[in-house]
Amino acid sequence: MARDKRDHEGSALIRTGLLGGSFNPAHGGHRRISLFAMETLGLEEVWWLVSPGNPLKPKKGMAPLAARLASAKEQARRAPITATAIEQHLGTRYTVDTLHALTRRYPKRDFVWLMGSDNLAQFHMWRKWRTIAHTMPIAVIARPGYDNSALASPAMAWFRRYRVPAASFKQGGRWSAPALVLLRFDPDPRSASAIRRADPDWALRYTGHHPRDGLTRRLISQQEGT
């Protein structure tokens, strides 16, 4: 059910998409799906949550946090996208804890969690995934090769009763959670793994960079998140 898009003080809320990931490295595909989600869902901004470490991904081959954040800031230039390593600042490891902390820290934001269909396919493996679903609406963006496994996943079986059309979501109002929006998106072949295979030393371009976090304004050192 849609609610008025205002907080208890009557102030308008800022509809903000959250896209989490390793960004190892960030690339044009991340930017393209973010801008697509903004247009389709009526978002005012997207935050890229550059994770200090993904519990479901191996640490081998993971570039330092500073390099990954620097690549994200580079890709986010001149767009309403904020690259942040706020999870490092909050000390959260799991998405459920990060989203709980963000909703408390930024009460004037109307958050929507953005993820690819590859994540929906394994969403039932995430820590307290139903709690995540009850925390904020979720928009799933199609990714080549993952749609069938996503639609057949245990999480999708649970989510079916909570599906919301993208057009209705964009019309305004604040949606209560759980709510799932499936977004059809032209396939984008770019991937971080393909970039790493073609350029395994990509992170060396950011040696010596100490990027400033887009939210906390902290400088991220080369030693953090390694």
Protein backbone atom coordinates (compact mmCIF):
# COMPACT_ATOMS: atom_id res chain seq x y z
CA MET A 1 0.00 0.00 0.00
CA ALA A 2 1.30 3.44 -0.87
CA ARG A 3 1.65 6.06 1.84
CA ASP A 4 2.21 9.80 1.66
CA LYS A 5 5.87 10.44 0.78
CA ARG A 6 6.56 12.60 3.84
CA ASP A 7 8.02 12.06 7.28
CA HIS A 8 6.18 12.66 10.56
CA GLU A 9 7.22 16.34 10.48
CA GLY A 10 5.68 16.85 7.05
CA SER A 11 9.01 17.10 5.21
CA ALA A 12 9.27 15.52 1.78
CA LEU A 13 11.40 12.37 1.74
CA ILE A 14 14.22 11.90 -0.76
CA ARG A 15 13.68 8.68 -2.70
CA THR A 16 17.11 7.06 -2.84
CA GLY A 17 18.26 3.83 -4.45
CA LEU A 18 20.90 1.69 -2.72
CA LEU A 19 23.14 -0.47 -4.89
CA GLY A 20 25.54 -2.61 -2.93
CA GLY A 21 28.50 -4.56 -4.23
CA SER A 22 32.22 -5.09 -4.33
CA PHE A 23 32.71 -2.71 -7.29
CA ASN A 24 35.86 -4.66 -8.09
CA PRO A 25 36.08 -2.51 -10.19
CA ALA A 26 33.12 -0.21 -10.82
CA HIS A 27 32.29 0.09 -14.52
CA GLY A 28 29.87 1.63 -16.98
CA GLY A 29 27.34 -1.13 -16.43
CA HIS A 30 26.89 -0.04 -12.81
CA ARG A 31 26.30 3.51 -13.96
CA ARG A 32 23.88 2.48 -16.70
CA ILE A 33 21.65 0.35 -14.47
CA SER A 34 21.66 3.06 -11.79
CA LEU A 35 20.48 5.74 -14.21
CA PHE A 36 17.91 3.31 -15.62
CA ALA A 37 16.58 2.58 -12.12
CA MET A 38 16.40 6.29 -11.33
CA GLU A 39 14.32 6.99 -14.42
CA THR A 40 12.09 3.93 -14.09
CA LEU A 41 11.39 4.24 -10.36
CA GLY A 42 11.43 8.02 -10.01
CA LEU A 43 14.51 8.08 -7.77
CA GLU A 44 16.30 11.32 -6.98
CA GLU A 45 19.65 9.74 -6.21
CA VAL A 46 21.47 6.41 -6.04
CA TRP A 47 24.07 5.48 -3.44
CA TRP A 48 26.70 2.90 -4.35
CA LEU A 49 27.60 0.98 -1.20
CA VAL A 50 31.16 -0.19 -1.85
CA SER A 51 31.50 -3.17 0.46
CA PRO A 52 34.65 -3.68 2.55
CA GLY A 53 34.07 -7.42 2.05
CA ASN A 54 31.25 -9.61 0.73
CA PRO A 55 30.67 -12.72 2.92
CA LEU A 56 29.49 -14.65 -0.17
CA LYS A 57 32.56 -13.83 -2.28
CA PRO A 58 36.17 -15.03 -1.86
CA LYS A 59 38.77 -12.50 -0.68
CA LYS A 60 41.25 -13.66 -3.33
CA GLY A 61 41.39 -11.16 -6.15
CA MET A 62 39.65 -8.43 -4.15
CA ALA A 63 41.32 -5.06 -4.65
CA PRO A 64 41.83 -2.68 -1.70
CA LEU A 65 38.80 -0.68 -0.65
CA ALA A 66 40.49 2.60 -1.64
CA ALA A 67 40.96 1.42 -5.24
CA ARG A 68 37.41 0.13 -5.50
CA LEU A 69 35.93 3.32 -4.06
CA ALA A 70 38.13 5.43 -6.35
CA SER A 71 36.89 3.49 -9.39
CA ALA A 72 33.29 3.98 -8.21
CA LYS A 73 33.73 7.73 -7.75
CA GLU A 74 35.24 7.91 -11.24
CA GLN A 75 32.26 6.12 -12.78
CA ALA A 76 29.77 8.23 -10.80
CA ARG A 77 31.06 11.60 -12.03
CA ARG A 78 28.50 14.11 -13.26
CA ALA A 79 25.60 11.86 -12.23
CA PRO A 80 23.31 11.91 -9.16
CA ILE A 81 25.23 8.93 -7.80
CA THR A 82 27.13 8.93 -4.50
CA ALA A 83 29.90 6.37 -3.99
CA THR A 84 30.44 5.48 -0.35
CA ALA A 85 32.24 2.98 1.84
CA ILE A 86 29.94 3.72 4.76
CA GLU A 87 29.77 0.05 5.72
CA GLN A 88 33.42 0.33 6.77
CA HIS A 89 32.48 3.31 8.95
CA LEU A 90 29.39 1.62 10.41
CA GLY A 91 31.23 -1.63 11.07
CA THR A 92 28.48 -3.69 9.45
CA ARG A 93 29.24 -6.84 7.50
CA TYR A 94 25.82 -8.07 6.42
CA THR A 95 23.31 -6.23 4.27
CA VAL A 96 20.54 -6.60 6.85
CA ASP A 97 22.64 -4.72 9.43
CA THR A 98 23.72 -2.06 6.95
CA LEU A 99 20.16 -1.29 5.85
CA HIS A 100 18.94 -1.13 9.45
CA ALA A 101 21.72 1.34 10.28
CA LEU A 102 21.07 3.48 7.20
CA THR A 103 17.32 3.78 7.83
CA ARG A 104 18.03 4.95 11.38
CA ARG A 105 20.84 7.31 10.34
CA TYR A 106 18.97 8.89 7.41
CA PRO A 107 15.29 9.14 8.40
CA LYS A 108 14.53 11.70 5.67
CA ARG A 109 15.43 9.20 2.94
CA ASP A 110 12.92 6.86 1.29
CA PHE A 111 15.23 3.97 0.42
CA VAL A 112 14.83 1.32 -2.27
CA TRP A 113 17.26 -1.61 -2.41
CA LEU A 114 18.52 -2.28 -5.95
CA MET A 115 20.00 -5.60 -7.02
CA GLY A 116 20.54 -7.69 -10.10
CA SER A 117 18.60 -10.84 -10.87
CA ASP A 118 21.78 -12.82 -10.09
CA ASN A 119 21.40 -11.69 -6.47
CA LEU A 120 17.71 -12.60 -6.39
CA ALA A 121 18.67 -16.12 -7.46
CA GLN A 122 20.72 -16.51 -4.25
CA PHE A 123 18.85 -14.06 -2.05
CA HIS A 124 17.52 -16.89 0.16
CA MET A 125 21.15 -17.49 1.22
CA TRP A 126 21.57 -13.96 2.55
CA ARG A 127 21.49 -13.43 6.31
CA LYS A 128 17.93 -12.63 7.47
CA TRP A 129 16.76 -12.04 3.92
CA ARG A 130 13.11 -11.76 4.95
CA THR A 131 14.08 -9.01 7.39
CA ILE A 132 15.75 -7.18 4.50
CA ALA A 133 12.52 -7.52 2.52
CA HIS A 134 10.54 -6.00 5.40
CA THR A 135 13.03 -3.12 5.78
CA MET A 136 12.54 -1.44 2.38
CA PRO A 137 11.19 -2.11 -1.13
CA ILE A 138 13.42 -4.10 -3.47
CA ALA A 139 13.88 -3.52 -7.19
CA VAL A 140 15.43 -6.35 -9.20
CA ILE A 141 17.17 -5.48 -12.47
CA ALA A 142 17.42 -8.17 -15.13
CA ARG A 143 20.90 -9.55 -15.86
CA PRO A 144 21.80 -11.80 -18.81
CA GLY A 145 21.76 -15.49 -17.93
CA TYR A 146 20.19 -15.16 -14.49
CA ASP A 147 16.50 -14.47 -15.12
CA ASN A 148 15.36 -18.11 -15.12
CA SER A 149 17.21 -19.04 -11.92
CA ALA A 150 15.94 -15.85 -10.26
CA LEU A 151 12.31 -16.55 -11.14
CA ALA A 152 12.66 -20.14 -9.90
CA SER A 153 14.41 -19.19 -6.65
CA PRO A 154 12.96 -19.79 -3.16
CA ALA A 155 13.02 -16.04 -2.52
CA MET A 156 10.94 -15.33 -5.62
CA ALA A 157 8.35 -17.89 -4.52
CA TRP A 158 7.98 -15.92 -1.28
CA PHE A 159 8.03 -12.53 -3.03
CA ARG A 160 5.31 -13.24 -5.61
CA ARG A 161 2.51 -11.95 -3.41
CA TYR A 162 4.40 -8.66 -2.94
CA ARG A 163 5.10 -7.76 -6.58
CA VAL A 164 4.41 -4.15 -7.54
CA PRO A 165 4.38 -2.73 -11.11
CA ALA A 166 7.19 -0.26 -11.77
CA ALA A 167 4.74 2.29 -13.17
CA SER A 168 2.71 2.27 -9.96
CA PHE A 169 5.84 2.57 -7.86
CA LYS A 170 6.97 5.65 -9.77
CA GLN A 171 3.66 7.46 -9.42
CA GLY A 172 4.48 8.70 -5.95
CA GLY A 173 3.71 7.85 -2.40
CA ARG A 174 5.86 5.88 -0.05
CA TRP A 175 5.57 2.13 -0.45
CA SER A 176 5.50 -0.12 2.55
CA ALA A 177 7.69 -3.22 2.55
CA PRO A 178 7.76 -5.99 1.49
CA ALA A 179 7.44 -4.81 -2.10
CA LEU A 180 9.22 -6.25 -5.13
CA VAL A 181 9.59 -4.48 -8.48
CA LEU A 182 10.97 -6.43 -11.45
CA LEU A 183 12.66 -4.21 -14.01
CA ARG A 184 13.23 -5.27 -17.60
CA PHE A 185 16.57 -3.97 -18.84
CA ASP A 186 18.43 -4.31 -22.11
CA PRO A 187 21.29 -6.76 -21.52
CA ASP A 188 24.60 -5.12 -20.62
CA PRO A 189 27.53 -7.49 -21.22
CA ARG A 190 29.96 -5.60 -19.00
CA SER A 191 31.03 -7.25 -15.77
CA ALA A 192 33.72 -6.70 -13.16
CA SER A 193 35.01 -10.26 -13.56
CA ALA A 194 35.50 -9.77 -17.32
CA ILE A 195 37.36 -6.50 -16.66
CA ARG A 196 39.64 -8.26 -14.15
CA ARG A 197 40.40 -11.02 -16.63
CA ALA A 198 41.32 -8.48 -19.31
CA ASP A 199 43.19 -6.18 -16.90
CA PRO A 200 44.21 -8.05 -13.72
CA ASP A 201 46.33 -5.10 -12.56
CA TRP A 202 43.56 -2.48 -12.88
CA ALA A 203 43.84 -1.48 -9.22
CA LEU A 204 47.44 -0.33 -9.68
CA ARG A 205 46.11 2.73 -11.50
CA TYR A 206 44.74 3.90 -8.15
CA THR A 207 47.92 3.34 -6.13
CA GLY A 208 48.42 6.31 -3.86
CA HIS A 209 44.79 7.41 -4.15
CA HIS A 210 43.01 8.19 -0.89
CA PRO A 211 39.44 8.82 -2.07
CA ARG A 212 37.04 10.80 0.09
CA ASP A 213 33.88 8.95 1.04
CA GLY A 214 30.83 10.51 -0.59
CA LEU A 215 28.75 10.35 2.61
CA THR A 216 31.06 10.34 5.61
CA ARG A 217 33.66 12.60 3.91
CA ARG A 218 36.39 10.41 5.41
CA LEU A 219 39.57 9.77 3.44
CA ILE A 220 39.92 6.04 2.76
CA SER A 221 43.49 4.79 3.05
CA GLN A 222 45.13 2.05 0.98
CA GLN A 223 45.24 -0.20 4.05
CA GLU A 224 41.50 -0.26 4.68
CA GLY A 225 39.41 -3.19 3.49
CA THR A 226 42.38 -5.29 2.40
